[in-house]
Amino acid sequence: NLPVKAVRDMGADYVIGVDLFAPDCGRRWG
């Protein structure tokens, strides 16, 4: 889901990842 390896394979030395899947514990939904 966060393709850091693909970026390194393209020759990147420094990878900035943007993660949009920060989970929510969802207690209000049981």
ModelCIF file with pLDDT and N, C-alpha, C, O atoms, coordinates in Angstrom:
data_MODEL
#
_entry.id   MODEL 
#
_entity.id                         1 
_entity.type                       polymer 
_entity.pdbx_number_of_molecules   1 
#
_entity_poly.entity_id                      1 
_entity_poly.type                           'polypeptide(L)' 
_entity_poly.nstd_linkage                   no 
_entity_poly.nstd_monomer                   no 
_entity_poly.pdbx_seq_one_letter_code       NLPVKAVRDMGADYVIGVDLFAPDCGRRWG 
_entity_poly.pdbx_seq_one_letter_code_can   NLPVKAVRDMGADYVIGVDLFAPDCGRRWG 
_entity_poly.pdbx_strand_id                 A 
#
loop_
_entity_poly_seq.entity_id 
_entity_poly_seq.num 
_entity_poly_seq.mon_id 
_entity_poly_seq.hetero 
1 1  ASN n 
1 2  LEU n 
1 3  PRO n 
1 4  VAL n 
1 5  LYS n 
1 6  ALA n 
1 7  VAL n 
1 8  ARG n 
1 9  ASP n 
1 10 MET n 
1 11 GLY n 
1 12 ALA n 
1 13 ASP n 
1 14 TYR n 
1 15 VAL n 
1 16 ILE n 
1 17 GLY n 
1 18 VAL n 
1 19 ASP n 
1 20 LEU n 
1 21 PHE n 
1 22 ALA n 
1 23 PRO n 
1 24 ASP n 
1 25 CYS n 
1 26 GLY n 
1 27 ARG n 
1 28 ARG n 
1 29 TRP n 
1 30 GLY n 
#
_struct_asym.id          A 
_struct_asym.entity_id   1 
#
loop_
_ma_qa_metric.id 
_ma_qa_metric.mode 
_ma_qa_metric.name 
_ma_qa_metric.software_group_id 
_ma_qa_metric.type 
1 global pLDDT . pLDDT 
2 local  pLDDT . pLDDT 
#
_ma_qa_metric_global.metric_id      1 
_ma_qa_metric_global.metric_value   88.20 
_ma_qa_metric_global.model_id       1 
_ma_qa_metric_global.ordinal_id     1 
#
loop_
_ma_qa_metric_local.label_asym_id 
_ma_qa_metric_local.label_comp_id 
_ma_qa_metric_local.label_seq_id 
_ma_qa_metric_local.metric_id 
_ma_qa_metric_local.metric_value 
_ma_qa_metric_local.model_id 
_ma_qa_metric_local.ordinal_id 
A ASN 1  2 96.00 1 1  
A LEU 2  2 97.00 1 2  
A PRO 3  2 98.00 1 3  
A VAL 4  2 98.00 1 4  
A LYS 5  2 97.00 1 5  
A ALA 6  2 98.00 1 6  
A VAL 7  2 98.00 1 7  
A ARG 8  2 98.00 1 8  
A ASP 9  2 97.00 1 9  
A MET 10 2 97.00 1 10 
A GLY 11 2 97.00 1 11 
A ALA 12 2 98.00 1 12 
A ASP 13 2 97.00 1 13 
A TYR 14 2 98.00 1 14 
A VAL 15 2 98.00 1 15 
A ILE 16 2 98.00 1 16 
A GLY 17 2 98.00 1 17 
A VAL 18 2 98.00 1 18 
A ASP 19 2 96.00 1 19 
A LEU 20 2 95.00 1 20 
A PHE 21 2 87.00 1 21 
A ALA 22 2 79.00 1 22 
A PRO 23 2 73.00 1 23 
A ASP 24 2 73.00 1 24 
A CYS 25 2 67.00 1 25 
A GLY 26 2 61.00 1 26 
A ARG 27 2 59.00 1 27 
A ARG 28 2 65.00 1 28 
A TRP 29 2 64.00 1 29 
A GLY 30 2 71.00 1 30 
#
loop_
_atom_site.group_PDB 
_atom_site.id 
_atom_site.type_symbol 
_atom_site.label_atom_id 
_atom_site.label_alt_id 
_atom_site.label_comp_id 
_atom_site.label_asym_id 
_atom_site.label_entity_id 
_atom_site.label_seq_id 
_atom_site.pdbx_PDB_ins_code 
_atom_site.Cartn_x 
_atom_site.Cartn_y 
_atom_site.Cartn_z 
_atom_site.occupancy 
_atom_site.B_iso_or_equiv 
_atom_site.pdbx_formal_charge 
_atom_site.auth_seq_id 
_atom_site.auth_comp_id 
_atom_site.auth_asym_id 
_atom_site.auth_atom_id 
_atom_site.pdbx_PDB_model_num 
ATOM 1   N N  . ASN A 1 1  ? 0.796   -1.221 0.000  1.00 96.00 ? 1  ASN A N  1 
ATOM 2   C CA . ASN A 1 1  ? 0.000   0.000  0.000  1.00 96.00 ? 1  ASN A CA 1 
ATOM 3   C C  . ASN A 1 1  ? 0.830   1.274  0.000  1.00 96.00 ? 1  ASN A C  1 
ATOM 4   O O  . ASN A 1 1  ? 0.362   2.306  -0.482 1.00 96.00 ? 1  ASN A O  1 
ATOM 5   N N  . LEU A 1 2  ? 2.037   1.232  0.522  1.00 97.00 ? 2  LEU A N  1 
ATOM 6   C CA . LEU A 1 2  ? 2.923   2.397  0.486  1.00 97.00 ? 2  LEU A CA 1 
ATOM 7   C C  . LEU A 1 2  ? 4.213   1.964  -0.203 1.00 97.00 ? 2  LEU A C  1 
ATOM 8   O O  . LEU A 1 2  ? 5.088   1.393  0.447  1.00 97.00 ? 2  LEU A O  1 
ATOM 9   N N  . PRO A 1 3  ? 4.355   2.224  -1.516 1.00 98.00 ? 3  PRO A N  1 
ATOM 10  C CA . PRO A 1 3  ? 5.387   1.573  -2.334 1.00 98.00 ? 3  PRO A CA 1 
ATOM 11  C C  . PRO A 1 3  ? 6.792   2.170  -2.198 1.00 98.00 ? 3  PRO A C  1 
ATOM 12  O O  . PRO A 1 3  ? 7.354   2.705  -3.154 1.00 98.00 ? 3  PRO A O  1 
ATOM 13  N N  . VAL A 1 4  ? 7.334   2.064  -0.996 1.00 98.00 ? 4  VAL A N  1 
ATOM 14  C CA . VAL A 1 4  ? 8.687   2.585  -0.746 1.00 98.00 ? 4  VAL A CA 1 
ATOM 15  C C  . VAL A 1 4  ? 9.726   1.797  -1.536 1.00 98.00 ? 4  VAL A C  1 
ATOM 16  O O  . VAL A 1 4  ? 10.635  2.386  -2.121 1.00 98.00 ? 4  VAL A O  1 
ATOM 17  N N  . LYS A 1 5  ? 9.602   0.476  -1.559 1.00 97.00 ? 5  LYS A N  1 
ATOM 18  C CA . LYS A 1 5  ? 10.584  -0.343 -2.276 1.00 97.00 ? 5  LYS A CA 1 
ATOM 19  C C  . LYS A 1 5  ? 10.624  0.017  -3.755 1.00 97.00 ? 5  LYS A C  1 
ATOM 20  O O  . LYS A 1 5  ? 11.700  0.077  -4.350 1.00 97.00 ? 5  LYS A O  1 
ATOM 21  N N  . ALA A 1 6  ? 9.456   0.257  -4.352 1.00 98.00 ? 6  ALA A N  1 
ATOM 22  C CA . ALA A 1 6  ? 9.418   0.626  -5.766 1.00 98.00 ? 6  ALA A CA 1 
ATOM 23  C C  . ALA A 1 6  ? 10.185  1.915  -6.016 1.00 98.00 ? 6  ALA A C  1 
ATOM 24  O O  . ALA A 1 6  ? 10.858  2.057  -7.037 1.00 98.00 ? 6  ALA A O  1 
ATOM 25  N N  . VAL A 1 7  ? 10.083  2.853  -5.082 1.00 98.00 ? 7  VAL A N  1 
ATOM 26  C CA . VAL A 1 7  ? 10.796  4.126  -5.232 1.00 98.00 ? 7  VAL A CA 1 
ATOM 27  C C  . VAL A 1 7  ? 12.306  3.906  -5.104 1.00 98.00 ? 7  VAL A C  1 
ATOM 28  O O  . VAL A 1 7  ? 13.087  4.485  -5.859 1.00 98.00 ? 7  VAL A O  1 
ATOM 29  N N  . ARG A 1 8  ? 12.709  3.073  -4.153 1.00 98.00 ? 8  ARG A N  1 
ATOM 30  C CA . ARG A 1 8  ? 14.145  2.786  -4.016 1.00 98.00 ? 8  ARG A CA 1 
ATOM 31  C C  . ARG A 1 8  ? 14.671  2.081  -5.264 1.00 98.00 ? 8  ARG A C  1 
ATOM 32  O O  . ARG A 1 8  ? 15.792  2.343  -5.700 1.00 98.00 ? 8  ARG A O  1 
ATOM 33  N N  . ASP A 1 9  ? 13.872  1.197  -5.832 1.00 97.00 ? 9  ASP A N  1 
ATOM 34  C CA . ASP A 1 9  ? 14.293  0.504  -7.052 1.00 97.00 ? 9  ASP A CA 1 
ATOM 35  C C  . ASP A 1 9  ? 14.465  1.464  -8.219 1.00 97.00 ? 9  ASP A C  1 
ATOM 36  O O  . ASP A 1 9  ? 15.162  1.147  -9.182 1.00 97.00 ? 9  ASP A O  1 
ATOM 37  N N  . MET A 1 10 ? 13.842  2.631  -8.145 1.00 97.00 ? 10 MET A N  1 
ATOM 38  C CA . MET A 1 10 ? 13.984  3.646  -9.191 1.00 97.00 ? 10 MET A CA 1 
ATOM 39  C C  . MET A 1 10 ? 15.201  4.531  -8.965 1.00 97.00 ? 10 MET A C  1 
ATOM 40  O O  . MET A 1 10 ? 15.459  5.444  -9.750 1.00 97.00 ? 10 MET A O  1 
ATOM 41  N N  . GLY A 1 11 ? 15.950  4.267  -7.898 1.00 97.00 ? 11 GLY A N  1 
ATOM 42  C CA . GLY A 1 11 ? 17.196  4.987  -7.668 1.00 97.00 ? 11 GLY A CA 1 
ATOM 43  C C  . GLY A 1 11 ? 17.155  6.047  -6.594 1.00 97.00 ? 11 GLY A C  1 
ATOM 44  O O  . GLY A 1 11 ? 18.091  6.839  -6.483 1.00 97.00 ? 11 GLY A O  1 
ATOM 45  N N  . ALA A 1 12 ? 16.089  6.092  -5.789 1.00 98.00 ? 12 ALA A N  1 
ATOM 46  C CA . ALA A 1 12 ? 16.006  7.108  -4.738 1.00 98.00 ? 12 ALA A CA 1 
ATOM 47  C C  . ALA A 1 12 ? 16.915  6.749  -3.563 1.00 98.00 ? 12 ALA A C  1 
ATOM 48  O O  . ALA A 1 12 ? 16.981  5.593  -3.145 1.00 98.00 ? 12 ALA A O  1 
ATOM 49  N N  . ASP A 1 13 ? 17.611  7.753  -3.040 1.00 97.00 ? 13 ASP A N  1 
ATOM 50  C CA . ASP A 1 13 ? 18.415  7.588  -1.832 1.00 97.00 ? 13 ASP A CA 1 
ATOM 51  C C  . ASP A 1 13 ? 17.607  7.914  -0.579 1.00 97.00 ? 13 ASP A C  1 
ATOM 52  O O  . ASP A 1 13 ? 17.872  7.389  0.502  1.00 97.00 ? 13 ASP A O  1 
ATOM 53  N N  . TYR A 1 14 ? 16.633  8.775  -0.742 1.00 98.00 ? 14 TYR A N  1 
ATOM 54  C CA . TYR A 1 14 ? 15.827  9.268  0.391  1.00 98.00 ? 14 TYR A CA 1 
ATOM 55  C C  . TYR A 1 14 ? 14.370  9.211  -0.036 1.00 98.00 ? 14 TYR A C  1 
ATOM 56  O O  . TYR A 1 14 ? 13.984  9.835  -1.024 1.00 98.00 ? 14 TYR A O  1 
ATOM 57  N N  . VAL A 1 15 ? 13.556  8.458  0.713  1.00 98.00 ? 15 VAL A N  1 
ATOM 58  C CA . VAL A 1 15 ? 12.160  8.253  0.324  1.00 98.00 ? 15 VAL A CA 1 
ATOM 59  C C  . VAL A 1 15 ? 11.218  8.911  1.329  1.00 98.00 ? 15 VAL A C  1 
ATOM 60  O O  . VAL A 1 15 ? 11.266  8.639  2.529  1.00 98.00 ? 15 VAL A O  1 
ATOM 61  N N  . ILE A 1 16 ? 10.369  9.774  0.808  1.00 98.00 ? 16 ILE A N  1 
ATOM 62  C CA . ILE A 1 16 ? 9.285   10.374 1.589  1.00 98.00 ? 16 ILE A CA 1 
ATOM 63  C C  . ILE A 1 16 ? 8.024   9.578  1.296  1.00 98.00 ? 16 ILE A C  1 
ATOM 64  O O  . ILE A 1 16 ? 7.585   9.506  0.149  1.00 98.00 ? 16 ILE A O  1 
ATOM 65  N N  . GLY A 1 17 ? 7.441   8.981  2.329  1.00 98.00 ? 17 GLY A N  1 
ATOM 66  C CA . GLY A 1 17 ? 6.216   8.226  2.163  1.00 98.00 ? 17 GLY A CA 1 
ATOM 67  C C  . GLY A 1 17 ? 5.024   9.003  2.684  1.00 98.00 ? 17 GLY A C  1 
ATOM 68  O O  . GLY A 1 17 ? 5.113   9.672  3.714  1.00 98.00 ? 17 GLY A O  1 
ATOM 69  N N  . VAL A 1 18 ? 3.903   8.916  1.972  1.00 98.00 ? 18 VAL A N  1 
ATOM 70  C CA . VAL A 1 18 ? 2.673   9.583  2.403  1.00 98.00 ? 18 VAL A CA 1 
ATOM 71  C C  . VAL A 1 18 ? 1.628   8.505  2.661  1.00 98.00 ? 18 VAL A C  1 
ATOM 72  O O  . VAL A 1 18 ? 1.142   7.857  1.734  1.00 98.00 ? 18 VAL A O  1 
ATOM 73  N N  . ASP A 1 19 ? 1.294   8.325  3.922  1.00 96.00 ? 19 ASP A N  1 
ATOM 74  C CA . ASP A 1 19 ? 0.417   7.248  4.389  1.00 96.00 ? 19 ASP A CA 1 
ATOM 75  C C  . ASP A 1 19 ? -0.983  7.776  4.650  1.00 96.00 ? 19 ASP A C  1 
ATOM 76  O O  . ASP A 1 19 ? -1.172  8.650  5.495  1.00 96.00 ? 19 ASP A O  1 
ATOM 77  N N  . LEU A 1 20 ? -1.963  7.251  3.929  1.00 95.00 ? 20 LEU A N  1 
ATOM 78  C CA . LEU A 1 20 ? -3.354  7.694  4.093  1.00 95.00 ? 20 LEU A CA 1 
ATOM 79  C C  . LEU A 1 20 ? -4.224  6.652  4.785  1.00 95.00 ? 20 LEU A C  1 
ATOM 80  O O  . LEU A 1 20 ? -5.447  6.789  4.816  1.00 95.00 ? 20 LEU A O  1 
ATOM 81  N N  . PHE A 1 21 ? -3.608  5.618  5.335  1.00 87.00 ? 21 PHE A N  1 
ATOM 82  C CA . PHE A 1 21 ? -4.385  4.536  5.928  1.00 87.00 ? 21 PHE A CA 1 
ATOM 83  C C  . PHE A 1 21 ? -4.238  4.476  7.437  1.00 87.00 ? 21 PHE A C  1 
ATOM 84  O O  . PHE A 1 21 ? -4.322  3.399  8.026  1.00 87.00 ? 21 PHE A O  1 
ATOM 85  N N  . ALA A 1 22 ? -4.017  5.631  8.073  1.00 79.00 ? 22 ALA A N  1 
ATOM 86  C CA . ALA A 1 22 ? -3.940  5.642  9.532  1.00 79.00 ? 22 ALA A CA 1 
ATOM 87  C C  . ALA A 1 22 ? -5.238  5.081  10.103 1.00 79.00 ? 22 ALA A C  1 
ATOM 88  O O  . ALA A 1 22 ? -6.303  5.648  9.862  1.00 79.00 ? 22 ALA A O  1 
ATOM 89  N N  . PRO A 1 23 ? -5.174  3.968  10.862 1.00 73.00 ? 23 PRO A N  1 
ATOM 90  C CA . PRO A 1 23 ? -6.404  3.308  11.313 1.00 73.00 ? 23 PRO A CA 1 
ATOM 91  C C  . PRO A 1 23 ? -7.075  4.025  12.472 1.00 73.00 ? 23 PRO A C  1 
ATOM 92  O O  . PRO A 1 23 ? -6.447  4.755  13.238 1.00 73.00 ? 23 PRO A O  1 
ATOM 93  N N  . ASP A 1 24 ? -8.367  3.789  12.568 1.00 73.00 ? 24 ASP A N  1 
ATOM 94  C CA . ASP A 1 24 ? -9.180  4.292  13.676 1.00 73.00 ? 24 ASP A CA 1 
ATOM 95  C C  . ASP A 1 24 ? -9.712  3.074  14.423 1.00 73.00 ? 24 ASP A C  1 
ATOM 96  O O  . ASP A 1 24 ? -10.241 2.153  13.801 1.00 73.00 ? 24 ASP A O  1 
ATOM 97  N N  . CYS A 1 25 ? -9.581  3.058  15.740 1.00 67.00 ? 25 CYS A N  1 
ATOM 98  C CA . CYS A 1 25 ? -9.965  1.866  16.502 1.00 67.00 ? 25 CYS A CA 1 
ATOM 99  C C  . CYS A 1 25 ? -11.453 1.555  16.397 1.00 67.00 ? 25 CYS A C  1 
ATOM 100 O O  . CYS A 1 25 ? -11.859 0.416  16.630 1.00 67.00 ? 25 CYS A O  1 
ATOM 101 N N  . GLY A 1 26 ? -12.269 2.538  16.053 1.00 61.00 ? 26 GLY A N  1 
ATOM 102 C CA . GLY A 1 26 ? -13.673 2.284  15.746 1.00 61.00 ? 26 GLY A CA 1 
ATOM 103 C C  . GLY A 1 26 ? -14.523 1.784  16.901 1.00 61.00 ? 26 GLY A C  1 
ATOM 104 O O  . GLY A 1 26 ? -15.474 1.034  16.681 1.00 61.00 ? 26 GLY A O  1 
ATOM 105 N N  . ARG A 1 27 ? -14.204 2.181  18.126 1.00 59.00 ? 27 ARG A N  1 
ATOM 106 C CA . ARG A 1 27 ? -14.960 1.677  19.269 1.00 59.00 ? 27 ARG A CA 1 
ATOM 107 C C  . ARG A 1 27 ? -16.447 2.025  19.197 1.00 59.00 ? 27 ARG A C  1 
ATOM 108 O O  . ARG A 1 27 ? -17.299 1.278  19.677 1.00 59.00 ? 27 ARG A O  1 
ATOM 109 N N  . ARG A 1 28 ? -16.739 3.176  18.586 1.00 65.00 ? 28 ARG A N  1 
ATOM 110 C CA . ARG A 1 28 ? -18.141 3.608  18.559 1.00 65.00 ? 28 ARG A CA 1 
ATOM 111 C C  . ARG A 1 28 ? -19.005 2.691  17.697 1.00 65.00 ? 28 ARG A C  1 
ATOM 112 O O  . ARG A 1 28 ? -20.231 2.733  17.798 1.00 65.00 ? 28 ARG A O  1 
ATOM 113 N N  . TRP A 1 29 ? -18.396 1.872  16.860 1.00 64.00 ? 29 TRP A N  1 
ATOM 114 C CA . TRP A 1 29 ? -19.146 0.952  16.007 1.00 64.00 ? 29 TRP A CA 1 
ATOM 115 C C  . TRP A 1 29 ? -19.136 -0.477 16.537 1.00 64.00 ? 29 TRP A C  1 
ATOM 116 O O  . TRP A 1 29 ? -19.624 -1.386 15.866 1.00 64.00 ? 29 TRP A O  1 
ATOM 117 N N  . GLY A 1 30 ? -18.590 -0.683 17.720 1.00 71.00 ? 30 GLY A N  1 
ATOM 118 C CA . GLY A 1 30 ? -18.615 -2.015 18.309 1.00 71.00 ? 30 GLY A CA 1 
ATOM 119 C C  . GLY A 1 30 ? -17.771 -3.011 17.538 1.00 71.00 ? 30 GLY A C  1 
ATOM 120 O O  . GLY A 1 30 ? -17.695 -4.179 17.917 1.00 71.00 ? 30 GLY A O  1 
#
